[in-house]
Amino acid sequence: MNSLENSLNKIAEIILPIDEASLTSLWDKYKKKVEQFSGSAEWEKAVIIFSIINAVRTKNAILNEKILKNNPSHKTKRPEISKEKPYLKLVK
């Protein structure tokens, strides 16, 4: 594994233990920062942070779906997704 992969693995190890609720509480803040394009280093960091938040949310959604599919005895009611804002949003 090269140093880039090592760095990415370390980042993933730091992010994985963070609970989704904590990250989701920051979603609106970073969405707004990303929408206000400036091309600055701060804007670039905001894009990365916003992407990380969405990545964790996506990972958890896939994980939960697979767990429910593979273990029907643990079926629970899925959380309702707010119709006010999309769960994930494409940022151009």
PDB file of N, CA and C in Angstrom:
ATOM      1  N   MET A   1       0.851  -1.169   0.000  1.00  0.00           N
ATOM      2  CA  MET A   1       0.000   0.000   0.000  1.00  0.00           C
ATOM      3  C   MET A   1       0.906   1.246   0.000  1.00  0.00           C
ATOM      4  N   ASN A   2       0.612   2.169  -0.897  1.00  0.00           N
ATOM      5  CA  ASN A   2       1.438   3.377  -0.973  1.00  0.00           C
ATOM      6  C   ASN A   2       1.005   4.415   0.066  1.00  0.00           C
ATOM      7  N   SER A   3       1.750   5.499   0.156  1.00  0.00           N
ATOM      8  CA  SER A   3       1.482   6.497   1.202  1.00  0.00           C
ATOM      9  C   SER A   3       0.129   7.188   1.015  1.00  0.00           C
ATOM     10  N   LEU A   4      -0.305   7.355  -0.229  1.00  0.00           N
ATOM     11  CA  LEU A   4      -1.627   7.947  -0.458  1.00  0.00           C
ATOM     12  C   LEU A   4      -2.715   7.044   0.111  1.00  0.00           C
ATOM     13  N   GLU A   5      -2.618   5.757  -0.181  1.00  0.00           N
ATOM     14  CA  GLU A   5      -3.603   4.816   0.357  1.00  0.00           C
ATOM     15  C   GLU A   5      -3.540   4.759   1.879  1.00  0.00           C
ATOM     16  N   ASN A   6      -2.333   4.809   2.419  1.00  0.00           N
ATOM     17  CA  ASN A   6      -2.192   4.825   3.883  1.00  0.00           C
ATOM     18  C   ASN A   6      -2.881   6.043   4.476  1.00  0.00           C
ATOM     19  N   SER A   7      -2.691   7.190   3.845  1.00  0.00           N
ATOM     20  CA  SER A   7      -3.329   8.420   4.331  1.00  0.00           C
ATOM     21  C   SER A   7      -4.847   8.313   4.267  1.00  0.00           C
ATOM     22  N   LEU A   8      -5.360   7.799   3.162  1.00  0.00           N
ATOM     23  CA  LEU A   8      -6.812   7.650   3.017  1.00  0.00           C
ATOM     24  C   LEU A   8      -7.366   6.653   4.032  1.00  0.00           C
ATOM     25  N   ASN A   9      -6.636   5.585   4.281  1.00  0.00           N
ATOM     26  CA  ASN A   9      -7.060   4.614   5.289  1.00  0.00           C
ATOM     27  C   ASN A   9      -7.101   5.237   6.675  1.00  0.00           C
ATOM     28  N   LYS A  10      -6.126   6.067   6.996  1.00  0.00           N
ATOM     29  CA  LYS A  10      -6.111   6.745   8.301  1.00  0.00           C
ATOM     30  C   LYS A  10      -7.307   7.686   8.427  1.00  0.00           C
ATOM     31  N   ILE A  11      -7.621   8.397   7.348  1.00  0.00           N
ATOM     32  CA  ILE A  11      -8.779   9.292   7.355  1.00  0.00           C
ATOM     33  C   ILE A  11     -10.054   8.477   7.597  1.00  0.00           C
ATOM     34  N   ALA A  12     -10.189   7.356   6.906  1.00  0.00           N
ATOM     35  CA  ALA A  12     -11.371   6.504   7.070  1.00  0.00           C
ATOM     36  C   ALA A  12     -11.479   5.986   8.509  1.00  0.00           C
ATOM     37  N   GLU A  13     -10.357   5.596   9.092  1.00  0.00           N
ATOM     38  CA  GLU A  13     -10.363   5.106  10.473  1.00  0.00           C
ATOM     39  C   GLU A  13     -10.815   6.186  11.448  1.00  0.00           C
ATOM     40  N   ILE A  14     -10.489   7.425  11.153  1.00  0.00           N
ATOM     41  CA  ILE A  14     -10.905   8.538  12.013  1.00  0.00           C
ATOM     42  C   ILE A  14     -12.399   8.816  11.852  1.00  0.00           C
ATOM     43  N   ILE A  15     -12.897   8.710  10.626  1.00  0.00           N
ATOM     44  CA  ILE A  15     -14.284   9.074  10.327  1.00  0.00           C
ATOM     45  C   ILE A  15     -15.276   7.979  10.714  1.00  0.00           C
ATOM     46  N   LEU A  16     -14.917   6.719  10.541  1.00  0.00           N
ATOM     47  CA  LEU A  16     -15.860   5.624  10.779  1.00  0.00           C
ATOM     48  C   LEU A  16     -16.523   5.626  12.160  1.00  0.00           C
ATOM     49  N   PRO A  17     -15.805   5.929  13.225  1.00  0.00           N
ATOM     50  CA  PRO A  17     -16.468   5.908  14.539  1.00  0.00           C
ATOM     51  C   PRO A  17     -17.436   7.072  14.793  1.00  0.00           C
ATOM     52  N   ILE A  18     -17.396   8.105  13.972  1.00  0.00           N
ATOM     53  CA  ILE A  18     -18.269   9.259  14.186  1.00  0.00           C
ATOM     54  C   ILE A  18     -19.699   8.863  13.830  1.00  0.00           C
ATOM     55  N   ASP A  19     -20.612   9.124  14.739  1.00  0.00           N
ATOM     56  CA  ASP A  19     -21.998   8.738  14.476  1.00  0.00           C
ATOM     57  C   ASP A  19     -22.642   9.659  13.432  1.00  0.00           C
ATOM     58  N   GLU A  20     -23.550   9.075  12.685  1.00  0.00           N
ATOM     59  CA  GLU A  20     -24.201   9.792  11.587  1.00  0.00           C
ATOM     60  C   GLU A  20     -24.972  11.012  12.078  1.00  0.00           C
ATOM     61  N   ALA A  21     -25.589  10.917  13.233  1.00  0.00           N
ATOM     62  CA  ALA A  21     -26.377  12.046  13.747  1.00  0.00           C
ATOM     63  C   ALA A  21     -25.503  13.276  13.958  1.00  0.00           C
ATOM     64  N   SER A  22     -24.301  13.064  14.466  1.00  0.00           N
ATOM     65  CA  SER A  22     -23.390  14.197  14.667  1.00  0.00           C
ATOM     66  C   SER A  22     -23.017  14.835  13.340  1.00  0.00           C
ATOM     67  N   LEU A  23     -22.743  14.001  12.359  1.00  0.00           N
ATOM     68  CA  LEU A  23     -22.391  14.529  11.035  1.00  0.00           C
ATOM     69  C   LEU A  23     -23.584  15.200  10.367  1.00  0.00           C
ATOM     70  N   THR A  24     -24.749  14.596  10.488  1.00  0.00           N
ATOM     71  CA  THR A  24     -25.942  15.133   9.848  1.00  0.00           C
ATOM     72  C   THR A  24     -26.301  16.506  10.396  1.00  0.00           C
ATOM     73  N   SER A  25     -25.958  16.742  11.652  1.00  0.00           N
ATOM     74  CA  SER A  25     -26.252  18.056  12.228  1.00  0.00           C
ATOM     75  C   SER A  25     -25.443  19.159  11.538  1.00  0.00           C
ATOM     76  N   LEU A  26     -24.375  18.781  10.856  1.00  0.00           N
ATOM     77  CA  LEU A  26     -23.537  19.753  10.135  1.00  0.00           C
ATOM     78  C   LEU A  26     -23.886  19.854   8.648  1.00  0.00           C
ATOM     79  N   TRP A  27     -24.792  19.001   8.175  1.00  0.00           N
ATOM     80  CA  TRP A  27     -25.101  18.903   6.749  1.00  0.00           C
ATOM     81  C   TRP A  27     -25.540  20.244   6.165  1.00  0.00           C
ATOM     82  N   ASP A  28     -26.497  20.909   6.789  1.00  0.00           N
ATOM     83  CA  ASP A  28     -26.998  22.190   6.267  1.00  0.00           C
ATOM     84  C   ASP A  28     -25.904  23.253   6.218  1.00  0.00           C
ATOM     85  N   LYS A  29     -25.103  23.297   7.264  1.00  0.00           N
ATOM     86  CA  LYS A  29     -24.024  24.290   7.333  1.00  0.00           C
ATOM     87  C   LYS A  29     -23.075  24.142   6.142  1.00  0.00           C
ATOM     88  N   TYR A  30     -22.650  22.924   5.862  1.00  0.00           N
ATOM     89  CA  TYR A  30     -21.687  22.723   4.778  1.00  0.00           C
ATOM     90  C   TYR A  30     -22.340  22.749   3.405  1.00  0.00           C
ATOM     91  N   LYS A  31     -23.610  22.410   3.344  1.00  0.00           N
ATOM     92  CA  LYS A  31     -24.346  22.541   2.081  1.00  0.00           C
ATOM     93  C   LYS A  31     -24.361  24.011   1.663  1.00  0.00           C
ATOM     94  N   LYS A  32     -24.642  24.884   2.610  1.00  0.00           N
ATOM     95  CA  LYS A  32     -24.672  26.321   2.314  1.00  0.00           C
ATOM     96  C   LYS A  32     -23.300  26.837   1.898  1.00  0.00           C
ATOM     97  N   LYS A  33     -22.257  26.373   2.576  1.00  0.00           N
ATOM     98  CA  LYS A  33     -20.903  26.800   2.218  1.00  0.00           C
ATOM     99  C   LYS A  33     -20.540  26.346   0.808  1.00  0.00           C
ATOM    100  N   VAL A  34     -20.929  25.134   0.453  1.00  0.00           N
ATOM    101  CA  VAL A  34     -20.623  24.601  -0.879  1.00  0.00           C
ATOM    102  C   VAL A  34     -21.391  25.372  -1.945  1.00  0.00           C
ATOM    103  N   GLU A  35     -22.612  25.716  -1.646  1.00  0.00           N
ATOM    104  CA  GLU A  35     -23.434  26.454  -2.618  1.00  0.00           C
ATOM    105  C   GLU A  35     -22.907  27.860  -2.879  1.00  0.00           C
ATOM    106  N   GLN A  36     -22.185  28.412  -1.917  1.00  0.00           N
ATOM    107  CA  GLN A  36     -21.624  29.758  -2.067  1.00  0.00           C
ATOM    108  C   GLN A  36     -20.192  29.654  -2.603  1.00  0.00           C
ATOM    109  N   PHE A  37     -20.093  29.313  -3.872  1.00  0.00           N
ATOM    110  CA  PHE A  37     -18.787  29.076  -4.491  1.00  0.00           C
ATOM    111  C   PHE A  37     -17.866  30.288  -4.347  1.00  0.00           C
ATOM    112  N   SER A  38     -16.631  29.991  -3.928  1.00  0.00           N
ATOM    113  CA  SER A  38     -15.634  31.052  -3.872  1.00  0.00           C
ATOM    114  C   SER A  38     -14.299  30.591  -4.455  1.00  0.00           C
ATOM    115  N   GLY A  39     -14.118  29.294  -4.563  1.00  0.00           N
ATOM    116  CA  GLY A  39     -12.865  28.772  -5.086  1.00  0.00           C
ATOM    117  C   GLY A  39     -11.713  28.869  -4.096  1.00  0.00           C
ATOM    118  N   SER A  40     -12.008  29.316  -2.883  1.00  0.00           N
ATOM    119  CA  SER A  40     -10.968  29.473  -1.859  1.00  0.00           C
ATOM    120  C   SER A  40     -10.643  28.117  -1.223  1.00  0.00           C
ATOM    121  N   ALA A  41      -9.567  28.109  -0.449  1.00  0.00           N
ATOM    122  CA  ALA A  41      -9.188  26.892   0.275  1.00  0.00           C
ATOM    123  C   ALA A  41     -10.287  26.493   1.263  1.00  0.00           C
ATOM    124  N   GLU A  42     -10.927  27.481   1.880  1.00  0.00           N
ATOM    125  CA  GLU A  42     -12.016  27.196   2.816  1.00  0.00           C
ATOM    126  C   GLU A  42     -13.204  26.557   2.101  1.00  0.00           C
ATOM    127  N   TRP A  43     -13.529  27.050   0.911  1.00  0.00           N
ATOM    128  CA  TRP A  43     -14.620  26.466   0.134  1.00  0.00           C
ATOM    129  C   TRP A  43     -14.270  25.025  -0.242  1.00  0.00           C
ATOM    130  N   GLU A  44     -13.017  24.794  -0.665  1.00  0.00           N
ATOM    131  CA  GLU A  44     -12.586  23.436  -1.034  1.00  0.00           C
ATOM    132  C   GLU A  44     -12.704  22.487   0.160  1.00  0.00           C
ATOM    133  N   LYS A  45     -12.323  22.941   1.341  1.00  0.00           N
ATOM    134  CA  LYS A  45     -12.468  22.122   2.546  1.00  0.00           C
ATOM    135  C   LYS A  45     -13.938  21.815   2.818  1.00  0.00           C
ATOM    136  N   ALA A  46     -14.786  22.820   2.614  1.00  0.00           N
ATOM    137  CA  ALA A  46     -16.224  22.621   2.833  1.00  0.00           C
ATOM    138  C   ALA A  46     -16.773  21.555   1.891  1.00  0.00           C
ATOM    139  N   VAL A  47     -16.310  21.546   0.646  1.00  0.00           N
ATOM    140  CA  VAL A  47     -16.747  20.526  -0.319  1.00  0.00           C
ATOM    141  C   VAL A  47     -16.336  19.140   0.165  1.00  0.00           C
ATOM    142  N   ILE A  48     -15.115  19.011   0.643  1.00  0.00           N
ATOM    143  CA  ILE A  48     -14.630  17.719   1.138  1.00  0.00           C
ATOM    144  C   ILE A  48     -15.429  17.282   2.359  1.00  0.00           C
ATOM    145  N   ILE A  49     -15.669  18.191   3.289  1.00  0.00           N
ATOM    146  CA  ILE A  49     -16.438  17.860   4.492  1.00  0.00           C
ATOM    147  C   ILE A  49     -17.859  17.457   4.118  1.00  0.00           C
ATOM    148  N   PHE A  50     -18.485  18.206   3.221  1.00  0.00           N
ATOM    149  CA  PHE A  50     -19.841  17.882   2.768  1.00  0.00           C
ATOM    150  C   PHE A  50     -19.864  16.499   2.121  1.00  0.00           C
ATOM    151  N   SER A  51     -18.857  16.200   1.334  1.00  0.00           N
ATOM    152  CA  SER A  51     -18.772  14.896   0.677  1.00  0.00           C
ATOM    153  C   SER A  51     -18.582  13.773   1.697  1.00  0.00           C
ATOM    154  N   ILE A  52     -17.789  14.016   2.714  1.00  0.00           N
ATOM    155  CA  ILE A  52     -17.589  13.013   3.766  1.00  0.00           C
ATOM    156  C   ILE A  52     -18.899  12.738   4.496  1.00  0.00           C
ATOM    157  N   ILE A  53     -19.624  13.800   4.829  1.00  0.00           N
ATOM    158  CA  ILE A  53     -20.919  13.626   5.497  1.00  0.00           C
ATOM    159  C   ILE A  53     -21.837  12.772   4.637  1.00  0.00           C
ATOM    160  N   ASN A  54     -21.921  13.083   3.349  1.00  0.00           N
ATOM    161  CA  ASN A  54     -22.773  12.302   2.447  1.00  0.00           C
ATOM    162  C   ASN A  54     -22.267  10.874   2.294  1.00  0.00           C
ATOM    163  N   ALA A  55     -20.958  10.686   2.299  1.00  0.00           N
ATOM    164  CA  ALA A  55     -20.392   9.339   2.179  1.00  0.00           C
ATOM    165  C   ALA A  55     -20.772   8.479   3.379  1.00  0.00           C
ATOM    166  N   VAL A  56     -20.696   9.048   4.572  1.00  0.00           N
ATOM    167  CA  VAL A  56     -21.071   8.297   5.775  1.00  0.00           C
ATOM    168  C   VAL A  56     -22.558   7.968   5.751  1.00  0.00           C
ATOM    169  N   ARG A  57     -23.369   8.904   5.347  1.00  0.00           N
ATOM    170  CA  ARG A  57     -24.816   8.664   5.256  1.00  0.00           C
ATOM    171  C   ARG A  57     -25.118   7.565   4.242  1.00  0.00           C
ATOM    172  N   THR A  58     -24.430   7.597   3.116  1.00  0.00           N
ATOM    173  CA  THR A  58     -24.625   6.580   2.080  1.00  0.00           C
ATOM    174  C   THR A  58     -24.163   5.214   2.584  1.00  0.00           C
ATOM    175  N   LYS A  59     -22.988   5.180   3.211  1.00  0.00           N
ATOM    176  CA  LYS A  59     -22.466   3.918   3.760  1.00  0.00           C
ATOM    177  C   LYS A  59     -23.459   3.318   4.742  1.00  0.00           C
ATOM    178  N   ASN A  60     -23.994   4.127   5.639  1.00  0.00           N
ATOM    179  CA  ASN A  60     -24.943   3.635   6.636  1.00  0.00           C
ATOM    180  C   ASN A  60     -26.241   3.150   5.999  1.00  0.00           C
ATOM    181  N   ALA A  61     -26.710   3.857   4.979  1.00  0.00           N
ATOM    182  CA  ALA A  61     -27.937   3.435   4.295  1.00  0.00           C
ATOM    183  C   ALA A  61     -27.742   2.076   3.626  1.00  0.00           C
ATOM    184  N   ILE A  62     -26.608   1.894   2.957  1.00  0.00           N
ATOM    185  CA  ILE A  62     -26.314   0.610   2.303  1.00  0.00           C
ATOM    186  C   ILE A  62     -26.165  -0.486   3.353  1.00  0.00           C
ATOM    187  N   LEU A  63     -25.431  -0.202   4.404  1.00  0.00           N
ATOM    188  CA  LEU A  63     -25.211  -1.177   5.473  1.00  0.00           C
ATOM    189  C   LEU A  63     -26.533  -1.599   6.102  1.00  0.00           C
ATOM    190  N   ASN A  64     -27.372  -0.635   6.429  1.00  0.00           N
ATOM    191  CA  ASN A  64     -28.679  -0.956   7.033  1.00  0.00           C
ATOM    192  C   ASN A  64     -29.547  -1.771   6.093  1.00  0.00           C
ATOM    193  N   GLU A  65     -29.544  -1.416   4.823  1.00  0.00           N
ATOM    194  CA  GLU A  65     -30.338  -2.159   3.836  1.00  0.00           C
ATOM    195  C   GLU A  65     -29.863  -3.606   3.739  1.00  0.00           C
ATOM    196  N   LYS A  66     -28.568  -3.816   3.693  1.00  0.00           N
ATOM    197  CA  LYS A  66     -28.019  -5.177   3.588  1.00  0.00           C
ATOM    198  C   LYS A  66     -28.294  -5.973   4.852  1.00  0.00           C
ATOM    199  N   ILE A  67     -28.175  -5.339   6.016  1.00  0.00           N
ATOM    200  CA  ILE A  67     -28.450  -6.036   7.269  1.00  0.00           C
ATOM    201  C   ILE A  67     -29.907  -6.478   7.322  1.00  0.00           C
ATOM    202  N   LEU A  68     -30.813  -5.576   6.955  1.00  0.00           N
ATOM    203  CA  LEU A  68     -32.239  -5.922   6.963  1.00  0.00           C
ATOM    204  C   LEU A  68     -32.551  -7.016   5.947  1.00  0.00           C
ATOM    205  N   LYS A  69     -31.921  -6.946   4.795  1.00  0.00           N
ATOM    206  CA  LYS A  69     -32.164  -7.940   3.746  1.00  0.00           C
ATOM    207  C   LYS A  69     -31.657  -9.319   4.159  1.00  0.00           C
ATOM    208  N   ASN A  70     -30.494  -9.343   4.805  1.00  0.00           N
ATOM    209  CA  ASN A  70     -29.880 -10.615   5.170  1.00  0.00           C
ATOM    210  C   ASN A  70     -30.362 -11.176   6.499  1.00  0.00           C
ATOM    211  N   ASN A  71     -31.046 -10.375   7.289  1.00  0.00           N
ATOM    212  CA  ASN A  71     -31.495 -10.824   8.593  1.00  0.00           C
ATOM    213  C   ASN A  71     -32.918 -10.339   8.843  1.00  0.00           C
ATOM    214  N   PRO A  72     -33.905 -11.025   8.250  1.00  0.00           N
ATOM    215  CA  PRO A  72     -35.292 -10.556   8.348  1.00  0.00           C
ATOM    216  C   PRO A  72     -35.831 -10.503   9.773  1.00  0.00           C
ATOM    217  N   SER A  73     -35.219 -11.206  10.721  1.00  0.00           N
ATOM    218  CA  SER A  73     -35.709 -11.165  12.102  1.00  0.00           C
ATOM    219  C   SER A  73     -35.442  -9.822  12.764  1.00  0.00           C
ATOM    220  N   HIS A  74     -34.544  -9.024  12.182  1.00  0.00           N
ATOM    221  CA  HIS A  74     -34.240  -7.707  12.735  1.00  0.00           C
ATOM    222  C   HIS A  74     -34.942  -6.583  11.979  1.00  0.00           C
ATOM    223  N   LYS A  75     -35.967  -6.929  11.242  1.00  0.00           N
ATOM    224  CA  LYS A  75     -36.670  -5.898  10.488  1.00  0.00           C
ATOM    225  C   LYS A  75     -37.293  -4.897  11.441  1.00  0.00           C
ATOM    226  N   THR A  76     -37.011  -3.661  11.161  1.00  0.00           N
ATOM    227  CA  THR A  76     -37.617  -2.572  11.920  1.00  0.00           C
ATOM    228  C   THR A  76     -38.178  -1.585  10.919  1.00  0.00           C
ATOM    229  N   LYS A  77     -39.016  -0.708  11.411  1.00  0.00           N
ATOM    230  CA  LYS A  77     -39.560   0.308  10.536  1.00  0.00           C
ATOM    231  C   LYS A  77     -38.444   1.228  10.085  1.00  0.00           C
ATOM    232  N   ARG A  78     -38.351   1.456   8.786  1.00  0.00           N
ATOM    233  CA  ARG A  78     -37.325   2.353   8.250  1.00  0.00           C
ATOM    234  C   ARG A  78     -37.645   3.782   8.657  1.00  0.00           C
ATOM    235  N   PRO A  79     -36.611   4.534   8.959  1.00  0.00           N
ATOM    236  CA  PRO A  79     -36.874   5.940   9.280  1.00  0.00           C
ATOM    237  C   PRO A  79     -37.417   6.664   8.059  1.00  0.00           C
ATOM    238  N   GLU A  80     -38.365   7.525   8.317  1.00  0.00           N
ATOM    239  CA  GLU A  80     -38.963   8.270   7.218  1.00  0.00           C
ATOM    240  C   GLU A  80     -38.005   9.364   6.767  1.00  0.00           C
ATOM    241  N   ILE A  81     -37.809   9.454   5.475  1.00  0.00           N
ATOM    242  CA  ILE A  81     -36.930  10.470   4.919  1.00  0.00           C
ATOM    243  C   ILE A  81     -37.744  11.739   4.707  1.00  0.00           C
ATOM    244  N   SER A  82     -37.210  12.824   5.210  1.00  0.00           N
ATOM    245  CA  SER A  82     -37.896  14.101   5.090  1.00  0.00           C
ATOM    246  C   SER A  82     -38.128  14.447   3.629  1.00  0.00           C
ATOM    247  N   LYS A  83     -39.325  14.905   3.325  1.00  0.00           N
ATOM    248  CA  LYS A  83     -39.636  15.318   1.963  1.00  0.00           C
ATOM    249  C   LYS A  83     -39.210  16.769   1.718  1.00  0.00           C
ATOM    250  N   GLU A  84     -38.819  17.445   2.791  1.00  0.00           N
ATOM    251  CA  GLU A  84     -38.414  18.846   2.669  1.00  0.00           C
ATOM    252  C   GLU A  84     -37.059  18.998   1.995  1.00  0.00           C
ATOM    253  N   LYS A  85     -36.104  18.131   2.326  1.00  0.00           N
ATOM    254  CA  LYS A  85     -34.800  18.205   1.685  1.00  0.00           C
ATOM    255  C   LYS A  85     -34.363  16.792   1.319  1.00  0.00           C
ATOM    256  N   PRO A  86     -33.720  16.643   0.190  1.00  0.00           N
ATOM    257  CA  PRO A  86     -33.337  15.299  -0.234  1.00  0.00           C
ATOM    258  C   PRO A  86     -32.277  14.707   0.680  1.00  0.00           C
ATOM    259  N   TYR A  87     -32.287  13.388   0.746  1.00  0.00           N
ATOM    260  CA  TYR A  87     -31.303  12.683   1.581  1.00  0.00           C
ATOM    261  C   TYR A  87     -29.892  12.948   1.067  1.00  0.00           C
ATOM    262  N   LEU A  88     -29.710  12.887  -0.225  1.00  0.00           N
ATOM    263  CA  LEU A  88     -28.438  13.221  -0.849  1.00  0.00           C
ATOM    264  C   LEU A  88     -28.721  14.199  -1.977  1.00  0.00           C
ATOM    265  N   LYS A  89     -27.797  15.075  -2.216  1.00  0.00           N
ATOM    266  CA  LYS A  89     -28.025  16.059  -3.261  1.00  0.00           C
ATOM    267  C   LYS A  89     -26.768  16.199  -4.095  1.00  0.00           C
ATOM    268  N   LEU A  90     -26.934  16.233  -5.402  1.00  0.00           N
ATOM    269  CA  LEU A  90     -25.828  16.436  -6.308  1.00  0.00           C
ATOM    270  C   LEU A  90     -25.419  17.893  -6.259  1.00  0.00           C
ATOM    271  N   VAL A  91     -24.152  18.120  -6.017  1.00  0.00           N
ATOM    272  CA  VAL A  91     -23.621  19.490  -5.980  1.00  0.00           C
ATOM    273  C   VAL A  91     -22.746  19.670  -7.193  1.00  0.00           C
ATOM    274  N   LYS A  92     -23.065  20.682  -7.981  1.00  0.00           N
ATOM    275  CA  LYS A  92     -22.295  20.917  -9.208  1.00  0.00           C
ATOM    276  C   LYS A  92     -21.243  21.944  -8.965  1.00  0.00           C
TER     277      LYS A  92
END
